[in-house]
PDB file of all heavy atoms in Angstrom:
ATOM      1  N   LEU A   1       2.825   4.932   3.935  1.00  0.00           N
ATOM      2  CA  LEU A   1       4.063   5.182   3.196  1.00  0.00           C
ATOM      3  C   LEU A   1       4.305   6.679   3.037  1.00  0.00           C
ATOM      4  O   LEU A   1       3.401   7.441   2.721  1.00  0.00           O
ATOM      5  CB  LEU A   1       4.004   4.556   1.803  1.00  0.00           C
ATOM      6  CG  LEU A   1       4.265   3.057   1.655  1.00  0.00           C
ATOM      7  CD1 LEU A   1       4.292   2.687   0.177  1.00  0.00           C
ATOM      8  CD2 LEU A   1       5.567   2.647   2.324  1.00  0.00           C
ATOM      9  N   ASN A   2       5.560   7.067   3.251  1.00  0.00           N
ATOM     10  CA  ASN A   2       5.978   8.430   2.957  1.00  0.00           C
ATOM     11  C   ASN A   2       7.381   8.353   2.358  1.00  0.00           C
ATOM     12  O   ASN A   2       7.951   7.270   2.226  1.00  0.00           O
ATOM     13  CB  ASN A   2       5.945   9.315   4.213  1.00  0.00           C
ATOM     14  CG  ASN A   2       6.764   8.713   5.357  1.00  0.00           C
ATOM     15  OD1 ASN A   2       7.861   8.200   5.147  1.00  0.00           O
ATOM     16  ND2 ASN A   2       6.231   8.780   6.568  1.00  0.00           N
ATOM     17  N   GLU A   3       7.945   9.487   1.988  1.00  0.00           N
ATOM     18  CA  GLU A   3       9.239   9.461   1.300  1.00  0.00           C
ATOM     19  C   GLU A   3      10.338   8.859   2.155  1.00  0.00           C
ATOM     20  O   GLU A   3      11.208   8.133   1.655  1.00  0.00           O
ATOM     21  CB  GLU A   3       9.618  10.872   0.839  1.00  0.00           C
ATOM     22  CG  GLU A   3       8.780  11.360  -0.330  1.00  0.00           C
ATOM     23  CD  GLU A   3       9.463  12.467  -1.127  1.00  0.00           C
ATOM     24  OE1 GLU A   3      10.711  12.567  -1.058  1.00  0.00           O
ATOM     25  OE2 GLU A   3       8.758  13.205  -1.827  1.00  0.00           O
ATOM     26  N   LYS A   4      10.321   9.111   3.441  1.00  0.00           N
ATOM     27  CA  LYS A   4      11.350   8.561   4.318  1.00  0.00           C
ATOM     28  C   LYS A   4      11.304   7.031   4.321  1.00  0.00           C
ATOM     29  O   LYS A   4      12.342   6.370   4.180  1.00  0.00           O
ATOM     30  CB  LYS A   4      11.170   9.092   5.743  1.00  0.00           C
ATOM     31  CG  LYS A   4      12.220   8.586   6.729  1.00  0.00           C
ATOM     32  CD  LYS A   4      12.010   9.165   8.126  1.00  0.00           C
ATOM     33  CE  LYS A   4      13.047   8.619   9.104  1.00  0.00           C
ATOM     34  NZ  LYS A   4      12.836   9.173  10.474  1.00  0.00           N
ATOM     35  N   ILE A   5      10.107   6.475   4.486  1.00  0.00           N
ATOM     36  CA  ILE A   5       9.965   5.022   4.490  1.00  0.00           C
ATOM     37  C   ILE A   5      10.314   4.444   3.122  1.00  0.00           C
ATOM     38  O   ILE A   5      10.975   3.407   3.013  1.00  0.00           O
ATOM     39  CB  ILE A   5       8.531   4.616   4.889  1.00  0.00           C
ATOM     40  CG1 ILE A   5       8.225   5.078   6.315  1.00  0.00           C
ATOM     41  CG2 ILE A   5       8.342   3.104   4.775  1.00  0.00           C
ATOM     42  CD1 ILE A   5       6.777   4.863   6.732  1.00  0.00           C
ATOM     43  N   ILE A   6       9.890   5.115   2.073  1.00  0.00           N
ATOM     44  CA  ILE A   6      10.173   4.649   0.712  1.00  0.00           C
ATOM     45  C   ILE A   6      11.671   4.550   0.473  1.00  0.00           C
ATOM     46  O   ILE A   6      12.178   3.540  -0.040  1.00  0.00           O
ATOM     47  CB  ILE A   6       9.507   5.576  -0.331  1.00  0.00           C
ATOM     48  CG1 ILE A   6       7.990   5.410  -0.279  1.00  0.00           C
ATOM     49  CG2 ILE A   6      10.045   5.291  -1.731  1.00  0.00           C
ATOM     50  CD1 ILE A   6       7.225   6.410  -1.116  1.00  0.00           C
ATOM     51  N   HIS A   7      12.405   5.575   0.853  1.00  0.00           N
ATOM     52  CA  HIS A   7      13.864   5.540   0.669  1.00  0.00           C
ATOM     53  C   HIS A   7      14.505   4.457   1.544  1.00  0.00           C
ATOM     54  O   HIS A   7      15.467   3.800   1.115  1.00  0.00           O
ATOM     55  CB  HIS A   7      14.469   6.905   0.969  1.00  0.00           C
ATOM     56  CG  HIS A   7      14.258   7.918  -0.123  1.00  0.00           C
ATOM     57  ND1 HIS A   7      14.938   7.856  -1.329  1.00  0.00           N
ATOM     58  CD2 HIS A   7      13.446   8.998  -0.197  1.00  0.00           C
ATOM     59  CE1 HIS A   7      14.552   8.871  -2.100  1.00  0.00           C
ATOM     60  NE2 HIS A   7      13.651   9.574  -1.438  1.00  0.00           N
ATOM     61  N   SER A   8      13.985   4.255   2.744  1.00  0.00           N
ATOM     62  CA  SER A   8      14.524   3.201   3.616  1.00  0.00           C
ATOM     63  C   SER A   8      14.367   1.836   2.969  1.00  0.00           C
ATOM     64  O   SER A   8      15.274   0.990   3.021  1.00  0.00           O
ATOM     65  CB  SER A   8      13.809   3.211   4.963  1.00  0.00           C
ATOM     66  OG  SER A   8      14.082   4.392   5.677  1.00  0.00           O
ATOM     67  N   ILE A   9      13.234   1.606   2.347  1.00  0.00           N
ATOM     68  CA  ILE A   9      12.987   0.327   1.681  1.00  0.00           C
ATOM     69  C   ILE A   9      13.897   0.160   0.477  1.00  0.00           C
ATOM     70  O   ILE A   9      14.505  -0.898   0.268  1.00  0.00           O
ATOM     71  CB  ILE A   9      11.504   0.224   1.258  1.00  0.00           C
ATOM     72  CG1 ILE A   9      10.608   0.126   2.500  1.00  0.00           C
ATOM     73  CG2 ILE A   9      11.281  -0.975   0.334  1.00  0.00           C
ATOM     74  CD1 ILE A   9       9.125   0.229   2.200  1.00  0.00           C
ATOM     75  N   LEU A  10      14.023   1.199  -0.321  1.00  0.00           N
ATOM     76  CA  LEU A  10      14.807   1.103  -1.552  1.00  0.00           C
ATOM     77  C   LEU A  10      16.312   1.071  -1.289  1.00  0.00           C
ATOM     78  O   LEU A  10      17.079   0.548  -2.105  1.00  0.00           O
ATOM     79  CB  LEU A  10      14.453   2.261  -2.483  1.00  0.00           C
ATOM     80  CG  LEU A  10      13.062   2.139  -3.136  1.00  0.00           C
ATOM     81  CD1 LEU A  10      12.656   3.457  -3.782  1.00  0.00           C
ATOM     82  CD2 LEU A  10      13.054   1.017  -4.162  1.00  0.00           C
ATOM     83  N   GLU A  11      16.733   1.606  -0.179  1.00  0.00           N
ATOM     84  CA  GLU A  11      18.161   1.575   0.162  1.00  0.00           C
ATOM     85  C   GLU A  11      18.567   0.253   0.789  1.00  0.00           C
ATOM     86  O   GLU A  11      19.755  -0.092   0.831  1.00  0.00           O
ATOM     87  CB  GLU A  11      18.479   2.730   1.117  1.00  0.00           C
ATOM     88  CG  GLU A  11      18.457   4.091   0.433  1.00  0.00           C
ATOM     89  CD  GLU A  11      18.502   5.253   1.412  1.00  0.00           C
ATOM     90  OE1 GLU A  11      18.578   4.990   2.640  1.00  0.00           O
ATOM     91  OE2 GLU A  11      18.442   6.414   0.961  1.00  0.00           O
ATOM     92  N   ALA A  12      17.590  -0.509   1.270  1.00  0.00           N
ATOM     93  CA  ALA A  12      17.871  -1.817   1.863  1.00  0.00           C
ATOM     94  C   ALA A  12      17.954  -2.876   0.765  1.00  0.00           C
ATOM     95  O   ALA A  12      17.414  -2.706  -0.327  1.00  0.00           O
ATOM     96  CB  ALA A  12      16.781  -2.184   2.864  1.00  0.00           C
ATOM     97  N   ASP A  13      18.614  -3.966   1.088  1.00  0.00           N
ATOM     98  CA  ASP A  13      18.769  -5.051   0.127  1.00  0.00           C
ATOM     99  C   ASP A  13      17.609  -6.038   0.280  1.00  0.00           C
ATOM    100  O   ASP A  13      17.784  -7.186   0.668  1.00  0.00           O
ATOM    101  CB  ASP A  13      20.110  -5.761   0.361  1.00  0.00           C
ATOM    102  CG  ASP A  13      20.347  -6.884  -0.624  1.00  0.00           C
ATOM    103  OD1 ASP A  13      19.967  -6.722  -1.795  1.00  0.00           O
ATOM    104  OD2 ASP A  13      20.889  -7.930  -0.223  1.00  0.00           O
ATOM    105  N   LEU A  14      16.415  -5.566  -0.036  1.00  0.00           N
ATOM    106  CA  LEU A  14      15.223  -6.412   0.011  1.00  0.00           C
ATOM    107  C   LEU A  14      15.005  -7.067  -1.343  1.00  0.00           C
ATOM    108  O   LEU A  14      15.367  -6.512  -2.382  1.00  0.00           O
ATOM    109  CB  LEU A  14      13.990  -5.583   0.362  1.00  0.00           C
ATOM    110  CG  LEU A  14      13.861  -5.077   1.808  1.00  0.00           C
ATOM    111  CD1 LEU A  14      12.706  -4.092   1.908  1.00  0.00           C
ATOM    112  CD2 LEU A  14      13.651  -6.236   2.765  1.00  0.00           C
ATOM    113  N   GLN A  15      14.370  -8.241  -1.326  1.00  0.00           N
ATOM    114  CA  GLN A  15      14.070  -8.919  -2.584  1.00  0.00           C
ATOM    115  C   GLN A  15      12.651  -8.623  -3.070  1.00  0.00           C
ATOM    116  O   GLN A  15      12.431  -8.463  -4.268  1.00  0.00           O
ATOM    117  CB  GLN A  15      14.243 -10.447  -2.423  1.00  0.00           C
ATOM    118  CG  GLN A  15      15.669 -10.922  -2.595  1.00  0.00           C
ATOM    119  CD  GLN A  15      16.590 -10.383  -1.509  1.00  0.00           C
ATOM    120  OE1 GLN A  15      16.358 -10.580  -0.320  1.00  0.00           O
ATOM    121  NE2 GLN A  15      17.649  -9.697  -1.911  1.00  0.00           N
ATOM    122  N   THR A  16      11.685  -8.550  -2.140  1.00  0.00           N
ATOM    123  CA  THR A  16      10.292  -8.382  -2.553  1.00  0.00           C
ATOM    124  C   THR A  16       9.564  -7.431  -1.622  1.00  0.00           C
ATOM    125  O   THR A  16       9.697  -7.507  -0.403  1.00  0.00           O
ATOM    126  CB  THR A  16       9.551  -9.741  -2.555  1.00  0.00           C
ATOM    127  OG1 THR A  16      10.272 -10.693  -3.335  1.00  0.00           O
ATOM    128  CG2 THR A  16       8.153  -9.590  -3.133  1.00  0.00           C
ATOM    129  N   LEU A  17       8.788  -6.552  -2.221  1.00  0.00           N
ATOM    130  CA  LEU A  17       7.903  -5.658  -1.475  1.00  0.00           C
ATOM    131  C   LEU A  17       6.479  -5.950  -1.930  1.00  0.00           C
ATOM    132  O   LEU A  17       6.165  -5.851  -3.119  1.00  0.00           O
ATOM    133  CB  LEU A  17       8.247  -4.199  -1.745  1.00  0.00           C
ATOM    134  CG  LEU A  17       7.251  -3.157  -1.224  1.00  0.00           C
ATOM    135  CD1 LEU A  17       7.187  -3.183   0.299  1.00  0.00           C
ATOM    136  CD2 LEU A  17       7.620  -1.757  -1.718  1.00  0.00           C
ATOM    137  N   VAL A  18       5.630  -6.328  -0.992  1.00  0.00           N
ATOM    138  CA  VAL A  18       4.245  -6.657  -1.304  1.00  0.00           C
ATOM    139  C   VAL A  18       3.320  -5.559  -0.788  1.00  0.00           C
ATOM    140  O   VAL A  18       3.298  -5.268   0.406  1.00  0.00           O
ATOM    141  CB  VAL A  18       3.842  -8.018  -0.693  1.00  0.00           C
ATOM    142  CG1 VAL A  18       2.368  -8.305  -0.979  1.00  0.00           C
ATOM    143  CG2 VAL A  18       4.714  -9.135  -1.247  1.00  0.00           C
ATOM    144  N   PHE A  19       2.573  -4.972  -1.710  1.00  0.00           N
ATOM    145  CA  PHE A  19       1.513  -4.040  -1.337  1.00  0.00           C
ATOM    146  C   PHE A  19       0.222  -4.852  -1.236  1.00  0.00           C
ATOM    147  O   PHE A  19      -0.213  -5.459  -2.215  1.00  0.00           O
ATOM    148  CB  PHE A  19       1.346  -2.942  -2.384  1.00  0.00           C
ATOM    149  CG  PHE A  19       2.561  -2.076  -2.589  1.00  0.00           C
ATOM    150  CD1 PHE A  19       3.232  -2.061  -3.808  1.00  0.00           C
ATOM    151  CD2 PHE A  19       3.030  -1.263  -1.570  1.00  0.00           C
ATOM    152  CE1 PHE A  19       4.338  -1.263  -4.007  1.00  0.00           C
ATOM    153  CE2 PHE A  19       4.153  -0.455  -1.759  1.00  0.00           C
ATOM    154  CZ  PHE A  19       4.805  -0.457  -2.978  1.00  0.00           C
ATOM    155  N   SER A  20      -0.373  -4.859  -0.063  1.00  0.00           N
ATOM    156  CA  SER A  20      -1.585  -5.653   0.138  1.00  0.00           C
ATOM    157  C   SER A  20      -2.802  -4.842  -0.276  1.00  0.00           C
ATOM    158  O   SER A  20      -3.142  -3.843   0.355  1.00  0.00           O
ATOM    159  CB  SER A  20      -1.698  -6.073   1.605  1.00  0.00           C
ATOM    160  OG  SER A  20      -0.577  -6.858   1.979  1.00  0.00           O
ATOM    161  N   ALA A  21      -3.442  -5.266  -1.359  1.00  0.00           N
ATOM    162  CA  ALA A  21      -4.649  -4.606  -1.858  1.00  0.00           C
ATOM    163  C   ALA A  21      -5.494  -5.650  -2.568  1.00  0.00           C
ATOM    164  O   ALA A  21      -4.961  -6.497  -3.283  1.00  0.00           O
ATOM    165  CB  ALA A  21      -4.290  -3.466  -2.811  1.00  0.00           C
ATOM    166  N   ASP A  22      -6.790  -5.567  -2.394  1.00  0.00           N
ATOM    167  CA  ASP A  22      -7.670  -6.649  -2.843  1.00  0.00           C
ATOM    168  C   ASP A  22      -8.682  -6.230  -3.902  1.00  0.00           C
ATOM    169  O   ASP A  22      -9.485  -7.047  -4.347  1.00  0.00           O
ATOM    170  CB  ASP A  22      -8.436  -7.216  -1.647  1.00  0.00           C
ATOM    171  CG  ASP A  22      -7.544  -7.346  -0.434  1.00  0.00           C
ATOM    172  OD1 ASP A  22      -6.781  -8.313  -0.375  1.00  0.00           O
ATOM    173  OD2 ASP A  22      -7.595  -6.450   0.439  1.00  0.00           O
ATOM    174  N   ALA A  23      -8.662  -4.956  -4.281  1.00  0.00           N
ATOM    175  CA  ALA A  23      -9.658  -4.472  -5.232  1.00  0.00           C
ATOM    176  C   ALA A  23      -9.064  -3.365  -6.084  1.00  0.00           C
ATOM    177  O   ALA A  23      -8.030  -2.779  -5.751  1.00  0.00           O
ATOM    178  CB  ALA A  23     -10.899  -3.985  -4.492  1.00  0.00           C
ATOM    179  N   ALA A  24      -9.761  -3.073  -7.171  1.00  0.00           N
ATOM    180  CA  ALA A  24      -9.298  -2.059  -8.106  1.00  0.00           C
ATOM    181  C   ALA A  24     -10.232  -0.854  -8.141  1.00  0.00           C
ATOM    182  O   ALA A  24     -10.074   0.029  -8.987  1.00  0.00           O
ATOM    183  CB  ALA A  24      -9.182  -2.661  -9.505  1.00  0.00           C
ATOM    184  N   SER A  25     -11.192  -0.825  -7.234  1.00  0.00           N
ATOM    185  CA  SER A  25     -12.143   0.281  -7.234  1.00  0.00           C
ATOM    186  C   SER A  25     -12.816   0.395  -5.877  1.00  0.00           C
ATOM    187  O   SER A  25     -12.799  -0.530  -5.071  1.00  0.00           O
ATOM    188  CB  SER A  25     -13.211   0.068  -8.323  1.00  0.00           C
ATOM    189  OG  SER A  25     -13.965  -1.111  -8.054  1.00  0.00           O
ATOM    190  N   GLU A  26     -13.384   1.565  -5.647  1.00  0.00           N
ATOM    191  CA  GLU A  26     -14.244   1.785  -4.492  1.00  0.00           C
ATOM    192  C   GLU A  26     -15.698   1.562  -4.934  1.00  0.00           C
ATOM    193  O   GLU A  26     -16.013   1.723  -6.116  1.00  0.00           O
ATOM    194  CB  GLU A  26     -14.076   3.223  -3.966  1.00  0.00           C
ATOM    195  CG  GLU A  26     -12.734   3.511  -3.335  1.00  0.00           C
ATOM    196  CD  GLU A  26     -12.579   2.887  -1.946  1.00  0.00           C
ATOM    197  OE1 GLU A  26     -13.366   1.972  -1.601  1.00  0.00           O
ATOM    198  OE2 GLU A  26     -11.662   3.305  -1.226  1.00  0.00           O
ATOM    199  N   PRO A  27     -16.588   1.143  -4.060  1.00  0.00           N
ATOM    200  CA  PRO A  27     -16.391   1.009  -2.614  1.00  0.00           C
ATOM    201  C   PRO A  27     -15.851  -0.354  -2.173  1.00  0.00           C
ATOM    202  O   PRO A  27     -15.711  -0.589  -0.970  1.00  0.00           O
ATOM    203  CB  PRO A  27     -17.803   1.229  -2.076  1.00  0.00           C
ATOM    204  CG  PRO A  27     -18.682   0.631  -3.132  1.00  0.00           C
ATOM    205  CD  PRO A  27     -18.015   0.961  -4.438  1.00  0.00           C
ATOM    206  N   LEU A  28     -15.567  -1.249  -3.138  1.00  0.00           N
ATOM    207  CA  LEU A  28     -15.150  -2.604  -2.766  1.00  0.00           C
ATOM    208  C   LEU A  28     -13.879  -2.592  -1.929  1.00  0.00           C
ATOM    209  O   LEU A  28     -13.772  -3.340  -0.945  1.00  0.00           O
ATOM    210  CB  LEU A  28     -14.937  -3.452  -4.027  1.00  0.00           C
ATOM    211  CG  LEU A  28     -14.509  -4.905  -3.801  1.00  0.00           C
ATOM    212  CD1 LEU A  28     -15.526  -5.637  -2.939  1.00  0.00           C
ATOM    213  CD2 LEU A  28     -14.299  -5.616  -5.127  1.00  0.00           C
ATOM    214  N   TYR A  29     -12.902  -1.753  -2.308  1.00  0.00           N
ATOM    215  CA  TYR A  29     -11.647  -1.712  -1.559  1.00  0.00           C
ATOM    216  C   TYR A  29     -11.902  -1.424  -0.083  1.00  0.00           C
ATOM    217  O   TYR A  29     -11.412  -2.139   0.795  1.00  0.00           O
ATOM    218  CB  TYR A  29     -10.696  -0.663  -2.147  1.00  0.00           C
ATOM    219  CG  TYR A  29      -9.408  -0.511  -1.360  1.00  0.00           C
ATOM    220  CD1 TYR A  29      -8.302  -1.294  -1.663  1.00  0.00           C
ATOM    221  CD2 TYR A  29      -9.308   0.398  -0.307  1.00  0.00           C
ATOM    222  CE1 TYR A  29      -7.121  -1.178  -0.929  1.00  0.00           C
ATOM    223  CE2 TYR A  29      -8.136   0.525   0.429  1.00  0.00           C
ATOM    224  CZ  TYR A  29      -7.056  -0.259   0.116  1.00  0.00           C
ATOM    225  OH  TYR A  29      -5.886  -0.151   0.842  1.00  0.00           O
ATOM    226  N   SER A  30     -12.651  -0.380   0.215  1.00  0.00           N
ATOM    227  CA  SER A  30     -12.882   0.017   1.602  1.00  0.00           C
ATOM    228  C   SER A  30     -13.803  -0.937   2.348  1.00  0.00           C
ATOM    229  O   SER A  30     -13.762  -1.014   3.576  1.00  0.00           O
ATOM    230  CB  SER A  30     -13.467   1.434   1.659  1.00  0.00           C
ATOM    231  OG  SER A  30     -12.524   2.376   1.176  1.00  0.00           O
ATOM    232  N   LYS A  31     -14.629  -1.674   1.622  1.00  0.00           N
ATOM    233  CA  LYS A  31     -15.463  -2.687   2.266  1.00  0.00           C
ATOM    234  C   LYS A  31     -14.615  -3.851   2.757  1.00  0.00           C
ATOM    235  O   LYS A  31     -14.909  -4.454   3.792  1.00  0.00           O
ATOM    236  CB  LYS A  31     -16.528  -3.185   1.294  1.00  0.00           C
ATOM    237  CG  LYS A  31     -17.671  -2.214   1.061  1.00  0.00           C
ATOM    238  CD  LYS A  31     -18.715  -2.805   0.127  1.00  0.00           C
ATOM    239  CE  LYS A  31     -19.888  -1.852  -0.064  1.00  0.00           C
ATOM    240  NZ  LYS A  31     -20.911  -2.411  -0.990  1.00  0.00           N
ATOM    241  N   LEU A  32     -13.571  -4.171   1.985  1.00  0.00           N
ATOM    242  CA  LEU A  32     -12.678  -5.263   2.364  1.00  0.00           C
ATOM    243  C   LEU A  32     -11.614  -4.778   3.344  1.00  0.00           C
ATOM    244  O   LEU A  32     -11.338  -5.433   4.351  1.00  0.00           O
ATOM    245  CB  LEU A  32     -12.016  -5.856   1.122  1.00  0.00           C
ATOM    246  CG  LEU A  32     -12.955  -6.519   0.109  1.00  0.00           C
ATOM    247  CD1 LEU A  32     -12.170  -6.936  -1.137  1.00  0.00           C
ATOM    248  CD2 LEU A  32     -13.651  -7.724   0.718  1.00  0.00           C
ATOM    249  N   ARG A  33     -10.997  -3.644   3.016  1.00  0.00           N
ATOM    250  CA  ARG A  33      -9.932  -3.092   3.859  1.00  0.00           C
ATOM    251  C   ARG A  33     -10.512  -1.924   4.658  1.00  0.00           C
ATOM    252  O   ARG A  33     -10.332  -0.747   4.316  1.00  0.00           O
ATOM    253  CB  ARG A  33      -8.747  -2.663   3.009  1.00  0.00           C
ATOM    254  CG  ARG A  33      -8.154  -3.849   2.247  1.00  0.00           C
ATOM    255  CD  ARG A  33      -6.667  -3.893   2.236  1.00  0.00           C
ATOM    256  NE  ARG A  33      -6.215  -5.244   1.900  1.00  0.00           N
ATOM    257  CZ  ARG A  33      -5.308  -5.927   2.566  1.00  0.00           C
ATOM    258  NH1 ARG A  33      -4.752  -5.413   3.630  1.00  0.00           N
ATOM    259  NH2 ARG A  33      -4.948  -7.140   2.190  1.00  0.00           N
ATOM    260  N   VAL A  34     -11.185  -2.278   5.711  1.00  0.00           N
ATOM    261  CA  VAL A  34     -11.884  -1.282   6.534  1.00  0.00           C
ATOM    262  C   VAL A  34     -10.864  -0.323   7.157  1.00  0.00           C
ATOM    263  O   VAL A  34      -9.828  -0.737   7.664  1.00  0.00           O
ATOM    264  CB  VAL A  34     -12.711  -1.986   7.629  1.00  0.00           C
ATOM    265  CG1 VAL A  34     -13.416  -0.963   8.515  1.00  0.00           C
ATOM    266  CG2 VAL A  34     -13.725  -2.933   6.982  1.00  0.00           C
ATOM    267  N   ASN A  35     -11.184   0.958   7.095  1.00  0.00           N
ATOM    268  CA  ASN A  35     -10.324   2.082   7.496  1.00  0.00           C
ATOM    269  C   ASN A  35      -9.347   2.473   6.390  1.00  0.00           C
ATOM    270  O   ASN A  35      -8.549   3.402   6.553  1.00  0.00           O
ATOM    271  CB  ASN A  35      -9.527   1.807   8.777  1.00  0.00           C
ATOM    272  CG  ASN A  35     -10.404   1.627   9.987  1.00  0.00           C
ATOM    273  OD1 ASN A  35     -11.555   2.059   9.993  1.00  0.00           O
ATOM    274  ND2 ASN A  35      -9.886   0.977  11.017  1.00  0.00           N
ATOM    275  N   GLY A  36      -9.389   1.751   5.272  1.00  0.00           N
ATOM    276  CA  GLY A  36      -8.498   2.053   4.167  1.00  0.00           C
ATOM    277  C   GLY A  36      -9.050   3.130   3.248  1.00  0.00           C
ATOM    278  O   GLY A  36     -10.210   3.532   3.344  1.00  0.00           O
ATOM    279  N   ASP A  37      -8.194   3.612   2.355  1.00  0.00           N
ATOM    280  CA  ASP A  37      -8.558   4.668   1.423  1.00  0.00           C
ATOM    281  C   ASP A  37      -7.810   4.390   0.128  1.00  0.00           C
ATOM    282  O   ASP A  37      -6.599   4.599   0.046  1.00  0.00           O
ATOM    283  CB  ASP A  37      -8.176   6.029   2.005  1.00  0.00           C
ATOM    284  CG  ASP A  37      -8.537   7.197   1.106  1.00  0.00           C
ATOM    285  OD1 ASP A  37      -8.671   6.999  -0.113  1.00  0.00           O
ATOM    286  OD2 ASP A  37      -8.668   8.320   1.625  1.00  0.00           O
ATOM    287  N   LEU A  38      -8.496   3.894  -0.882  1.00  0.00           N
ATOM    288  CA  LEU A  38      -7.845   3.490  -2.126  1.00  0.00           C
ATOM    289  C   LEU A  38      -7.122   4.653  -2.800  1.00  0.00           C
ATOM    290  O   LEU A  38      -6.022   4.486  -3.323  1.00  0.00           O
ATOM    291  CB  LEU A  38      -8.874   2.895  -3.088  1.00  0.00           C
ATOM    292  CG  LEU A  38      -8.329   2.410  -4.436  1.00  0.00           C
ATOM    293  CD1 LEU A  38      -7.254   1.344  -4.242  1.00  0.00           C
ATOM    294  CD2 LEU A  38      -9.461   1.870  -5.307  1.00  0.00           C
ATOM    295  N   GLU A  39      -7.713   5.825  -2.779  1.00  0.00           N
ATOM    296  CA  GLU A  39      -7.086   6.991  -3.412  1.00  0.00           C
ATOM    297  C   GLU A  39      -5.738   7.294  -2.763  1.00  0.00           C
ATOM    298  O   GLU A  39      -4.738   7.552  -3.453  1.00  0.00           O
ATOM    299  CB  GLU A  39      -8.006   8.201  -3.331  1.00  0.00           C
ATOM    300  CG  GLU A  39      -7.439   9.435  -4.030  1.00  0.00           C
ATOM    301  CD  GLU A  39      -8.387  10.625  -3.973  1.00  0.00           C
ATOM    302  OE1 GLU A  39      -9.522  10.461  -3.470  1.00  0.00           O
ATOM    303  OE2 GLU A  39      -7.985  11.720  -4.422  1.00  0.00           O
ATOM    304  N   ARG A  40      -5.698   7.255  -1.446  1.00  0.00           N
ATOM    305  CA  ARG A  40      -4.448   7.528  -0.725  1.00  0.00           C
ATOM    306  C   ARG A  40      -3.421   6.425  -0.985  1.00  0.00           C
ATOM    307  O   ARG A  40      -2.238   6.706  -1.226  1.00  0.00           O
ATOM    308  CB  ARG A  40      -4.727   7.652   0.769  1.00  0.00           C
ATOM    309  CG  ARG A  40      -3.469   7.766   1.617  1.00  0.00           C
ATOM    310  CD  ARG A  40      -3.788   8.109   3.050  1.00  0.00           C
ATOM    311  NE  ARG A  40      -2.592   8.057   3.891  1.00  0.00           N
ATOM    312  CZ  ARG A  40      -2.501   8.623   5.077  1.00  0.00           C
ATOM    313  NH1 ARG A  40      -3.513   9.298   5.576  1.00  0.00           N
ATOM    314  NH2 ARG A  40      -1.386   8.527   5.786  1.00  0.00           N
ATOM    315  N   VAL A  41      -3.869   5.190  -0.945  1.00  0.00           N
ATOM    316  CA  VAL A  41      -2.964   4.059  -1.177  1.00  0.00           C
ATOM    317  C   VAL A  41      -2.391   4.116  -2.586  1.00  0.00           C
ATOM    318  O   VAL A  41      -1.182   3.912  -2.794  1.00  0.00           O
ATOM    319  CB  VAL A  41      -3.707   2.730  -0.925  1.00  0.00           C
ATOM    320  CG1 VAL A  41      -2.906   1.547  -1.473  1.00  0.00           C
ATOM    321  CG2 VAL A  41      -3.962   2.540   0.564  1.00  0.00           C
TER     322      VAL A  41
END
């Protein structure tokens, strides 16, 4: 996600935006979402 994508989403007539995340802390997040970075997300 960056500002350009964010504005594209908010300017569109979407009903639901789902952020896929499975944990609230590291290292569990990165163990489940390999290559992910909870701080960045």
